[in-house]
């Protein structure tokens, strides 16, 4: 289990940002020690690393939320894609033959 300070050092994410992500439900509420000290799992560290990398790539918080949801429930279709839709072959461009 990791303290919030260790989580911050391991991921390069500042402590206030970690708390902000928790408030936005991007991270699960942390377990607490008997002294009410935050204790995060290695899985939460990996999740936070993913969030940081996604933000570094320019993804929005909402896009990250959708990716995390899709990762947790891969059987569900993405929120912005209708069920059962498939790419159409009619969208392919016609090729010109050279003379």
PDB file of N, CA and C in Angstrom:
ATOM      1  N   UNK A   1       0.832  -1.179   0.000  1.00  0.00           N
ATOM      2  CA  UNK A   1       0.000   0.000   0.000  1.00  0.00           C
ATOM      3  C   UNK A   1       0.879   1.247   0.000  1.00  0.00           C
ATOM      4  N   UNK A   2       0.437   2.239  -0.709  1.00  0.00           N
ATOM      5  CA  UNK A   2       1.211   3.458  -0.887  1.00  0.00           C
ATOM      6  C   UNK A   2       0.535   4.637  -0.195  1.00  0.00           C
ATOM      7  N   UNK A   3       1.337   5.461   0.447  1.00  0.00           N
ATOM      8  CA  UNK A   3       0.807   6.719   0.976  1.00  0.00           C
ATOM      9  C   UNK A   3       0.623   7.668  -0.201  1.00  0.00           C
ATOM     10  N   UNK A   4      -0.088   8.753   0.006  1.00  0.00           N
ATOM     11  CA  UNK A   4      -0.309   9.703  -1.077  1.00  0.00           C
ATOM     12  C   UNK A   4       1.016  10.334  -1.518  1.00  0.00           C
ATOM     13  N   UNK A   5       1.941  10.522  -0.585  1.00  0.00           N
ATOM     14  CA  UNK A   5       3.257  11.062  -0.937  1.00  0.00           C
ATOM     15  C   UNK A   5       4.036  10.111  -1.828  1.00  0.00           C
ATOM     16  N   UNK A   6       4.017   8.818  -1.468  1.00  0.00           N
ATOM     17  CA  UNK A   6       4.699   7.818  -2.293  1.00  0.00           C
ATOM     18  C   UNK A   6       4.026   7.685  -3.653  1.00  0.00           C
ATOM     19  N   UNK A   7       2.709   7.742  -3.675  1.00  0.00           N
ATOM     20  CA  UNK A   7       1.964   7.679  -4.928  1.00  0.00           C
ATOM     21  C   UNK A   7       2.359   8.845  -5.825  1.00  0.00           C
ATOM     22  N   UNK A   8       2.485  10.025  -5.233  1.00  0.00           N
ATOM     23  CA  UNK A   8       2.883  11.216  -5.962  1.00  0.00           C
ATOM     24  C   UNK A   8       4.297  11.066  -6.530  1.00  0.00           C
ATOM     25  N   UNK A   9       5.224  10.600  -5.701  1.00  0.00           N
ATOM     26  CA  UNK A   9       6.606  10.417  -6.151  1.00  0.00           C
ATOM     27  C   UNK A   9       6.706   9.345  -7.236  1.00  0.00           C
ATOM     28  N   UNK A  10       5.954   8.260  -7.099  1.00  0.00           N
ATOM     29  CA  UNK A  10       5.998   7.150  -8.072  1.00  0.00           C
ATOM     30  C   UNK A  10       5.437   7.539  -9.434  1.00  0.00           C
ATOM     31  N   UNK A  11       4.489   8.454  -9.471  1.00  0.00           N
ATOM     32  CA  UNK A  11       3.795   8.775 -10.722  1.00  0.00           C
ATOM     33  C   UNK A  11       4.139  10.145 -11.285  1.00  0.00           C
ATOM     34  N   UNK A  12       4.698  11.017 -10.462  1.00  0.00           N
ATOM     35  CA  UNK A  12       4.979  12.376 -10.912  1.00  0.00           C
ATOM     36  C   UNK A  12       3.752  13.274 -10.915  1.00  0.00           C
ATOM     37  N   UNK A  13       2.694  12.833 -10.234  1.00  0.00           N
ATOM     38  CA  UNK A  13       1.459  13.616 -10.134  1.00  0.00           C
ATOM     39  C   UNK A  13       1.434  14.274  -8.764  1.00  0.00           C
ATOM     40  N   UNK A  14       1.164  15.564  -8.728  1.00  0.00           N
ATOM     41  CA  UNK A  14       1.157  16.291  -7.459  1.00  0.00           C
ATOM     42  C   UNK A  14      -0.004  15.846  -6.577  1.00  0.00           C
ATOM     43  N   UNK A  15       0.211  15.931  -5.269  1.00  0.00           N
ATOM     44  CA  UNK A  15      -0.787  15.501  -4.284  1.00  0.00           C
ATOM     45  C   UNK A  15      -2.142  16.185  -4.505  1.00  0.00           C
ATOM     46  N   UNK A  16      -2.216  17.515  -4.697  1.00  0.00           N
ATOM     47  CA  UNK A  16      -3.531  18.125  -4.915  1.00  0.00           C
ATOM     48  C   UNK A  16      -4.227  17.580  -6.166  1.00  0.00           C
ATOM     49  N   UNK A  17      -3.442  17.232  -7.187  1.00  0.00           N
ATOM     50  CA  UNK A  17      -4.026  16.685  -8.412  1.00  0.00           C
ATOM     51  C   UNK A  17      -4.599  15.292  -8.154  1.00  0.00           C
ATOM     52  N   UNK A  18      -3.905  14.502  -7.362  1.00  0.00           N
ATOM     53  CA  UNK A  18      -4.409  13.174  -6.998  1.00  0.00           C
ATOM     54  C   UNK A  18      -5.752  13.322  -6.281  1.00  0.00           C
ATOM     55  N   UNK A  19      -5.835  14.243  -5.341  1.00  0.00           N
ATOM     56  CA  UNK A  19      -7.099  14.470  -4.617  1.00  0.00           C
ATOM     57  C   UNK A  19      -8.195  14.964  -5.567  1.00  0.00           C
ATOM     58  N   UNK A  20      -7.812  15.808  -6.516  1.00  0.00           N
ATOM     59  CA  UNK A  20      -8.765  16.317  -7.503  1.00  0.00           C
ATOM     60  C   UNK A  20      -9.313  15.161  -8.355  1.00  0.00           C
ATOM     61  N   UNK A  21      -8.438  14.270  -8.820  1.00  0.00           N
ATOM     62  CA  UNK A  21      -8.884  13.124  -9.615  1.00  0.00           C
ATOM     63  C   UNK A  21      -9.822  12.222  -8.810  1.00  0.00           C
ATOM     64  N   UNK A  22      -9.553  12.090  -7.519  1.00  0.00           N
ATOM     65  CA  UNK A  22     -10.442  11.301  -6.665  1.00  0.00           C
ATOM     66  C   UNK A  22     -11.807  11.979  -6.551  1.00  0.00           C
ATOM     67  N   UNK A  23     -11.834  13.299  -6.386  1.00  0.00           N
ATOM     68  CA  UNK A  23     -13.103  14.026  -6.302  1.00  0.00           C
ATOM     69  C   UNK A  23     -13.885  13.921  -7.604  1.00  0.00           C
ATOM     70  N   UNK A  24     -13.175  13.828  -8.732  1.00  0.00           N
ATOM     71  CA  UNK A  24     -13.825  13.716 -10.039  1.00  0.00           C
ATOM     72  C   UNK A  24     -14.188  12.268 -10.377  1.00  0.00           C
ATOM     73  N   UNK A  25     -13.939  11.354  -9.448  1.00  0.00           N
ATOM     74  CA  UNK A  25     -14.225   9.923  -9.600  1.00  0.00           C
ATOM     75  C   UNK A  25     -13.399   9.258 -10.695  1.00  0.00           C
ATOM     76  N   UNK A  26     -12.234   9.820 -10.996  1.00  0.00           N
ATOM     77  CA  UNK A  26     -11.314   9.128 -11.904  1.00  0.00           C
ATOM     78  C   UNK A  26     -10.538   8.059 -11.152  1.00  0.00           C
ATOM     79  N   UNK A  27     -10.443   8.240  -9.851  1.00  0.00           N
ATOM     80  CA  UNK A  27      -9.789   7.260  -8.985  1.00  0.00           C
ATOM     81  C   UNK A  27     -10.757   6.854  -7.885  1.00  0.00           C
ATOM     82  N   UNK A  28     -10.614   5.622  -7.456  1.00  0.00           N
ATOM     83  CA  UNK A  28     -11.454   5.125  -6.366  1.00  0.00           C
ATOM     84  C   UNK A  28     -11.055   5.806  -5.061  1.00  0.00           C
ATOM     85  N   UNK A  29     -12.017   5.965  -4.158  1.00  0.00           N
ATOM     86  CA  UNK A  29     -11.639   6.494  -2.842  1.00  0.00           C
ATOM     87  C   UNK A  29     -10.602   5.572  -2.197  1.00  0.00           C
ATOM     88  N   UNK A  30      -9.580   6.164  -1.630  1.00  0.00           N
ATOM     89  CA  UNK A  30      -8.485   5.382  -1.049  1.00  0.00           C
ATOM     90  C   UNK A  30      -8.916   4.721   0.246  1.00  0.00           C
ATOM     91  N   UNK A  31      -8.304   3.571   0.508  1.00  0.00           N
ATOM     92  CA  UNK A  31      -8.479   2.950   1.818  1.00  0.00           C
ATOM     93  C   UNK A  31      -7.755   3.829   2.822  1.00  0.00           C
ATOM     94  N   UNK A  32      -8.125   3.694   4.072  1.00  0.00           N
ATOM     95  CA  UNK A  32      -7.519   4.524   5.123  1.00  0.00           C
ATOM     96  C   UNK A  32      -6.947   3.639   6.217  1.00  0.00           C
ATOM     97  N   UNK A  33      -5.825   4.073   6.778  1.00  0.00           N
ATOM     98  CA  UNK A  33      -5.221   3.362   7.906  1.00  0.00           C
ATOM     99  C   UNK A  33      -5.991   3.711   9.175  1.00  0.00           C
ATOM    100  N   UNK A  34      -5.621   3.072  10.271  1.00  0.00           N
ATOM    101  CA  UNK A  34      -6.262   3.378  11.551  1.00  0.00           C
ATOM    102  C   UNK A  34      -6.059   4.845  11.924  1.00  0.00           C
ATOM    103  N   UNK A  35      -4.946   5.435  11.485  1.00  0.00           N
ATOM    104  CA  UNK A  35      -4.670   6.845  11.747  1.00  0.00           C
ATOM    105  C   UNK A  35      -5.253   7.749  10.668  1.00  0.00           C
ATOM    106  N   UNK A  36      -6.150   7.201   9.834  1.00  0.00           N
ATOM    107  CA  UNK A  36      -6.833   7.914   8.760  1.00  0.00           C
ATOM    108  C   UNK A  36      -5.876   8.373   7.656  1.00  0.00           C
ATOM    109  N   UNK A  37      -4.729   7.684   7.537  1.00  0.00           N
ATOM    110  CA  UNK A  37      -3.786   8.009   6.473  1.00  0.00           C
ATOM    111  C   UNK A  37      -4.197   7.254   5.208  1.00  0.00           C
ATOM    112  N   UNK A  38      -4.170   7.951   4.123  1.00  0.00           N
ATOM    113  CA  UNK A  38      -4.557   7.381   2.830  1.00  0.00           C
ATOM    114  C   UNK A  38      -3.608   6.244   2.464  1.00  0.00           C
ATOM    115  N   UNK A  39      -4.168   5.149   1.922  1.00  0.00           N
ATOM    116  CA  UNK A  39      -3.388   4.001   1.473  1.00  0.00           C
ATOM    117  C   UNK A  39      -3.905   3.565   0.103  1.00  0.00           C
ATOM    118  N   UNK A  40      -3.089   3.751  -0.927  1.00  0.00           N
ATOM    119  CA  UNK A  40      -3.482   3.378  -2.284  1.00  0.00           C
ATOM    120  C   UNK A  40      -2.801   2.084  -2.695  1.00  0.00           C
ATOM    121  N   UNK A  41      -3.497   1.314  -3.515  1.00  0.00           N
ATOM    122  CA  UNK A  41      -2.978   0.037  -3.996  1.00  0.00           C
ATOM    123  C   UNK A  41      -2.089   0.252  -5.215  1.00  0.00           C
ATOM    124  N   UNK A  42      -1.386  -0.767  -5.605  1.00  0.00           N
ATOM    125  CA  UNK A  42      -0.565  -0.728  -6.821  1.00  0.00           C
ATOM    126  C   UNK A  42      -1.453  -0.544  -8.058  1.00  0.00           C
ATOM    127  N   UNK A  43      -2.672  -1.086  -8.004  1.00  0.00           N
ATOM    128  CA  UNK A  43      -3.610  -0.918  -9.118  1.00  0.00           C
ATOM    129  C   UNK A  43      -3.987   0.552  -9.283  1.00  0.00           C
ATOM    130  N   UNK A  44      -4.187   1.248  -8.169  1.00  0.00           N
ATOM    131  CA  UNK A  44      -4.496   2.675  -8.238  1.00  0.00           C
ATOM    132  C   UNK A  44      -3.285   3.461  -8.745  1.00  0.00           C
ATOM    133  N   UNK A  45      -2.089   3.023  -8.388  1.00  0.00           N
ATOM    134  CA  UNK A  45      -0.880   3.662  -8.918  1.00  0.00           C
ATOM    135  C   UNK A  45      -0.838   3.518 -10.444  1.00  0.00           C
ATOM    136  N   UNK A  46      -1.137   2.304 -10.923  1.00  0.00           N
ATOM    137  CA  UNK A  46      -1.146   2.074 -12.368  1.00  0.00           C
ATOM    138  C   UNK A  46      -2.226   2.902 -13.051  1.00  0.00           C
ATOM    139  N   UNK A  47      -3.375   3.009 -12.417  1.00  0.00           N
ATOM    140  CA  UNK A  47      -4.477   3.814 -12.967  1.00  0.00           C
ATOM    141  C   UNK A  47      -4.066   5.290 -13.051  1.00  0.00           C
ATOM    142  N   UNK A  48      -3.441   5.788 -11.984  1.00  0.00           N
ATOM    143  CA  UNK A  48      -2.992   7.172 -11.966  1.00  0.00           C
ATOM    144  C   UNK A  48      -1.924   7.407 -13.030  1.00  0.00           C
ATOM    145  N   UNK A  49      -1.033   6.453 -13.228  1.00  0.00           N
ATOM    146  CA  UNK A  49      -0.020   6.576 -14.285  1.00  0.00           C
ATOM    147  C   UNK A  49      -0.683   6.664 -15.648  1.00  0.00           C
ATOM    148  N   UNK A  50      -1.725   5.855 -15.866  1.00  0.00           N
ATOM    149  CA  UNK A  50      -2.457   5.915 -17.127  1.00  0.00           C
ATOM    150  C   UNK A  50      -3.093   7.293 -17.318  1.00  0.00           C
ATOM    151  N   UNK A  51      -3.725   7.800 -16.272  1.00  0.00           N
ATOM    152  CA  UNK A  51      -4.374   9.111 -16.336  1.00  0.00           C
ATOM    153  C   UNK A  51      -3.333  10.188 -16.677  1.00  0.00           C
ATOM    154  N   UNK A  52      -2.177  10.131 -16.018  1.00  0.00           N
ATOM    155  CA  UNK A  52      -1.124  11.122 -16.272  1.00  0.00           C
ATOM    156  C   UNK A  52      -0.661  11.043 -17.720  1.00  0.00           C
ATOM    157  N   UNK A  53      -0.419   9.844 -18.219  1.00  0.00           N
ATOM    158  CA  UNK A  53       0.043   9.703 -19.611  1.00  0.00           C
ATOM    159  C   UNK A  53      -1.018  10.208 -20.583  1.00  0.00           C
ATOM    160  N   UNK A  54      -2.267   9.902 -20.305  1.00  0.00           N
ATOM    161  CA  UNK A  54      -3.353  10.361 -21.172  1.00  0.00           C
ATOM    162  C   UNK A  54      -3.437  11.883 -21.175  1.00  0.00           C
ATOM    163  N   UNK A  55      -3.291  12.501 -20.009  1.00  0.00           N
ATOM    164  CA  UNK A  55      -3.303  13.967 -19.929  1.00  0.00           C
ATOM    165  C   UNK A  55      -2.098  14.554 -20.668  1.00  0.00           C
ATOM    166  N   UNK A  56      -0.931  13.908 -20.529  1.00  0.00           N
ATOM    167  CA  UNK A  56       0.266  14.373 -21.227  1.00  0.00           C
ATOM    168  C   UNK A  56       0.081  14.318 -22.746  1.00  0.00           C
ATOM    169  N   UNK A  57      -0.733  13.372 -23.214  1.00  0.00           N
ATOM    170  CA  UNK A  57      -1.021  13.257 -24.639  1.00  0.00           C
ATOM    171  C   UNK A  57      -2.108  14.229 -25.099  1.00  0.00           C
ATOM    172  N   UNK A  58      -2.719  14.937 -24.145  1.00  0.00           N
ATOM    173  CA  UNK A  58      -3.715  15.947 -24.490  1.00  0.00           C
ATOM    174  C   UNK A  58      -5.151  15.472 -24.419  1.00  0.00           C
ATOM    175  N   UNK A  59      -5.408  14.281 -23.891  1.00  0.00           N
ATOM    176  CA  UNK A  59      -6.780  13.809 -23.775  1.00  0.00           C
ATOM    177  C   UNK A  59      -7.527  14.610 -22.716  1.00  0.00           C
ATOM    178  N   UNK A  60      -8.812  14.798 -22.951  1.00  0.00           N
ATOM    179  CA  UNK A  60      -9.646  15.503 -21.979  1.00  0.00           C
ATOM    180  C   UNK A  60      -9.996  14.561 -20.827  1.00  0.00           C
ATOM    181  N   UNK A  61     -10.400  15.147 -19.732  1.00  0.00           N
ATOM    182  CA  UNK A  61     -10.824  14.349 -18.578  1.00  0.00           C
ATOM    183  C   UNK A  61     -11.982  13.428 -18.982  1.00  0.00           C
ATOM    184  N   UNK A  62     -12.924  13.949 -19.762  1.00  0.00           N
ATOM    185  CA  UNK A  62     -14.068  13.127 -20.182  1.00  0.00           C
ATOM    186  C   UNK A  62     -13.624  11.962 -21.055  1.00  0.00           C
ATOM    187  N   UNK A  63     -12.674  12.184 -21.942  1.00  0.00           N
ATOM    188  CA  UNK A  63     -12.151  11.095 -22.777  1.00  0.00           C
ATOM    189  C   UNK A  63     -11.463  10.044 -21.917  1.00  0.00           C
ATOM    190  N   UNK A  64     -10.717  10.485 -20.936  1.00  0.00           N
ATOM    191  CA  UNK A  64     -10.043   9.552 -20.024  1.00  0.00           C
ATOM    192  C   UNK A  64     -11.077   8.759 -19.242  1.00  0.00           C
ATOM    193  N   UNK A  65     -12.121   9.436 -18.787  1.00  0.00           N
ATOM    194  CA  UNK A  65     -13.190   8.756 -18.052  1.00  0.00           C
ATOM    195  C   UNK A  65     -13.810   7.650 -18.920  1.00  0.00           C
ATOM    196  N   UNK A  66     -14.065   7.958 -20.184  1.00  0.00           N
ATOM    197  CA  UNK A  66     -14.644   6.964 -21.105  1.00  0.00           C
ATOM    198  C   UNK A  66     -13.699   5.781 -21.312  1.00  0.00           C
ATOM    199  N   UNK A  67     -12.397   6.058 -21.456  1.00  0.00           N
ATOM    200  CA  UNK A  67     -11.429   4.972 -21.622  1.00  0.00           C
ATOM    201  C   UNK A  67     -11.349   4.094 -20.378  1.00  0.00           C
ATOM    202  N   UNK A  68     -11.377   4.720 -19.206  1.00  0.00           N
ATOM    203  CA  UNK A  68     -11.348   3.944 -17.962  1.00  0.00           C
ATOM    204  C   UNK A  68     -12.603   3.087 -17.831  1.00  0.00           C
ATOM    205  N   UNK A  69     -13.749   3.642 -18.214  1.00  0.00           N
ATOM    206  CA  UNK A  69     -15.012   2.896 -18.165  1.00  0.00           C
ATOM    207  C   UNK A  69     -14.972   1.724 -19.137  1.00  0.00           C
ATOM    208  N   UNK A  70     -14.467   1.964 -20.333  1.00  0.00           N
ATOM    209  CA  UNK A  70     -14.355   0.901 -21.332  1.00  0.00           C
ATOM    210  C   UNK A  70     -13.402  -0.192 -20.851  1.00  0.00           C
ATOM    211  N   UNK A  71     -12.327   0.207 -20.207  1.00  0.00           N
ATOM    212  CA  UNK A  71     -11.369  -0.760 -19.672  1.00  0.00           C
ATOM    213  C   UNK A  71     -12.001  -1.620 -18.575  1.00  0.00           C
ATOM    214  N   UNK A  72     -12.824  -1.004 -17.741  1.00  0.00           N
ATOM    215  CA  UNK A  72     -13.485  -1.729 -16.649  1.00  0.00           C
ATOM    216  C   UNK A  72     -14.603  -2.631 -17.159  1.00  0.00           C
ATOM    217  N   UNK A  73     -15.221  -2.253 -18.300  1.00  0.00           N
ATOM    218  CA  UNK A  73     -16.360  -2.995 -18.853  1.00  0.00           C
ATOM    219  C   UNK A  73     -16.175  -3.168 -20.357  1.00  0.00           C
ATOM    220  N   UNK A  74     -15.230  -4.003 -20.786  1.00  0.00           N
ATOM    221  CA  UNK A  74     -14.942  -4.130 -22.221  1.00  0.00           C
ATOM    222  C   UNK A  74     -16.097  -4.687 -23.044  1.00  0.00           C
ATOM    223  N   UNK A  75     -17.069  -5.307 -22.389  1.00  0.00           N
ATOM    224  CA  UNK A  75     -18.215  -5.863 -23.121  1.00  0.00           C
ATOM    225  C   UNK A  75     -19.200  -4.786 -23.569  1.00  0.00           C
ATOM    226  N   UNK A  76     -19.106  -3.606 -22.983  1.00  0.00           N
ATOM    227  CA  UNK A  76     -20.005  -2.507 -23.350  1.00  0.00           C
ATOM    228  C   UNK A  76     -19.462  -1.747 -24.547  1.00  0.00           C
ATOM    229  N   UNK A  77     -20.339  -1.284 -25.438  1.00  0.00           N
ATOM    230  CA  UNK A  77     -19.842  -0.452 -26.542  1.00  0.00           C
ATOM    231  C   UNK A  77     -19.463   0.931 -26.019  1.00  0.00           C
ATOM    232  N   UNK A  78     -18.548   1.619 -26.698  1.00  0.00           N
ATOM    233  CA  UNK A  78     -18.194   2.978 -26.271  1.00  0.00           C
ATOM    234  C   UNK A  78     -19.434   3.872 -26.256  1.00  0.00           C
ATOM    235  N   UNK A  79     -19.439   4.859 -25.373  1.00  0.00           N
ATOM    236  CA  UNK A  79     -20.607   5.727 -25.187  1.00  0.00           C
ATOM    237  C   UNK A  79     -20.983   6.493 -26.442  1.00  0.00           C
ATOM    238  N   UNK A  80     -20.013   6.850 -27.270  1.00  0.00           N
ATOM    239  CA  UNK A  80     -20.316   7.670 -28.437  1.00  0.00           C
ATOM    240  C   UNK A  80     -20.488   6.861 -29.720  1.00  0.00           C
ATOM    241  N   UNK A  81     -20.530   5.539 -29.616  1.00  0.00           N
ATOM    242  CA  UNK A  81     -20.683   4.699 -30.799  1.00  0.00           C
ATOM    243  C   UNK A  81     -21.939   3.849 -30.637  1.00  0.00           C
ATOM    244  N   UNK A  82     -22.888   3.921 -31.582  1.00  0.00           N
ATOM    245  CA  UNK A  82     -24.105   3.130 -31.471  1.00  0.00           C
ATOM    246  C   UNK A  82     -23.809   1.630 -31.521  1.00  0.00           C
ATOM    247  N   UNK A  83     -24.625   0.853 -30.821  1.00  0.00           N
ATOM    248  CA  UNK A  83     -24.474  -0.585 -30.806  1.00  0.00           C
ATOM    249  C   UNK A  83     -24.687  -1.159 -32.199  1.00  0.00           C
ATOM    250  N   UNK A  84     -23.835  -2.080 -32.578  1.00  0.00           N
ATOM    251  CA  UNK A  84     -24.017  -2.790 -33.825  1.00  0.00           C
ATOM    252  C   UNK A  84     -23.576  -2.028 -35.060  1.00  0.00           C
ATOM    253  N   UNK A  85     -23.016  -0.834 -34.924  1.00  0.00           N
ATOM    254  CA  UNK A  85     -22.601  -0.114 -36.118  1.00  0.00           C
ATOM    255  C   UNK A  85     -21.282  -0.683 -36.615  1.00  0.00           C
ATOM    256  N   UNK A  86     -21.139  -0.771 -37.917  1.00  0.00           N
ATOM    257  CA  UNK A  86     -19.927  -1.282 -38.528  1.00  0.00           C
ATOM    258  C   UNK A  86     -19.497  -0.321 -39.617  1.00  0.00           C
ATOM    259  N   UNK A  87     -18.216  -0.232 -39.853  1.00  0.00           N
ATOM    260  CA  UNK A  87     -17.762   0.643 -40.930  1.00  0.00           C
ATOM    261  C   UNK A  87     -18.308   0.174 -42.269  1.00  0.00           C
ATOM    262  N   UNK A  88     -18.672   1.095 -43.081  1.00  0.00           N
ATOM    263  CA  UNK A  88     -19.243   0.796 -44.382  1.00  0.00           C
ATOM    264  C   UNK A  88     -18.148   0.659 -45.422  1.00  0.00           C
ATOM    265  N   UNK A  89     -18.285  -0.335 -46.309  1.00  0.00           N
ATOM    266  CA  UNK A  89     -17.308  -0.491 -47.382  1.00  0.00           C
ATOM    267  C   UNK A  89     -17.558   0.515 -48.489  1.00  0.00           C
ATOM    268  N   UNK A  90     -18.741   1.129 -48.511  1.00  0.00           N
ATOM    269  CA  UNK A  90     -19.051   2.105 -49.541  1.00  0.00           C
ATOM    270  C   UNK A  90     -18.281   3.397 -49.366  1.00  0.00           C
ATOM    271  N   UNK A  91     -17.647   3.579 -48.206  1.00  0.00           N
ATOM    272  CA  UNK A  91     -16.881   4.792 -47.963  1.00  0.00           C
ATOM    273  C   UNK A  91     -15.498   4.750 -48.582  1.00  0.00           C
ATOM    274  N   UNK A  92     -15.122   3.628 -49.178  1.00  0.00           N
ATOM    275  CA  UNK A  92     -13.810   3.538 -49.789  1.00  0.00           C
ATOM    276  C   UNK A  92     -13.788   4.341 -51.083  1.00  0.00           C
ATOM    277  N   UNK A  93     -12.673   4.970 -51.319  1.00  0.00           N
ATOM    278  CA  UNK A  93     -12.566   5.782 -52.535  1.00  0.00           C
ATOM    279  C   UNK A  93     -12.260   4.892 -53.734  1.00  0.00           C
ATOM    280  N   UNK A  94     -12.774   5.272 -54.836  1.00  0.00           N
ATOM    281  CA  UNK A  94     -12.529   4.524 -56.068  1.00  0.00           C
ATOM    282  C   UNK A  94     -11.109   4.810 -56.543  1.00  0.00           C
ATOM    283  N   UNK A  95     -10.458   3.787 -57.037  1.00  0.00           N
ATOM    284  CA  UNK A  95      -9.101   3.947 -57.529  1.00  0.00           C
ATOM    285  C   UNK A  95      -9.129   4.234 -59.027  1.00  0.00           C
ATOM    286  N   UNK A  96      -8.257   5.105 -59.440  1.00  0.00           N
ATOM    287  CA  UNK A  96      -8.153   5.427 -60.860  1.00  0.00           C
ATOM    288  C   UNK A  96      -7.092   4.556 -61.482  1.00  0.00           C
ATOM    289  N   UNK A  97      -7.358   4.085 -62.660  1.00  0.00           N
ATOM    290  CA  UNK A  97      -6.350   3.311 -63.374  1.00  0.00           C
ATOM    291  C   UNK A  97      -5.582   4.240 -64.290  1.00  0.00           C
ATOM    292  N   UNK A  98      -4.283   3.993 -64.372  1.00  0.00           N
ATOM    293  CA  UNK A  98      -3.440   4.827 -65.235  1.00  0.00           C
ATOM    294  C   UNK A  98      -3.504   4.322 -66.651  1.00  0.00           C
ATOM    295  N   UNK A  99      -3.519   5.222 -67.641  1.00  0.00           N
ATOM    296  CA  UNK A  99      -3.551   4.839 -69.044  1.00  0.00           C
ATOM    297  C   UNK A  99      -2.193   4.877 -69.643  1.00  0.00           C
TER     298      UNK A  99
END
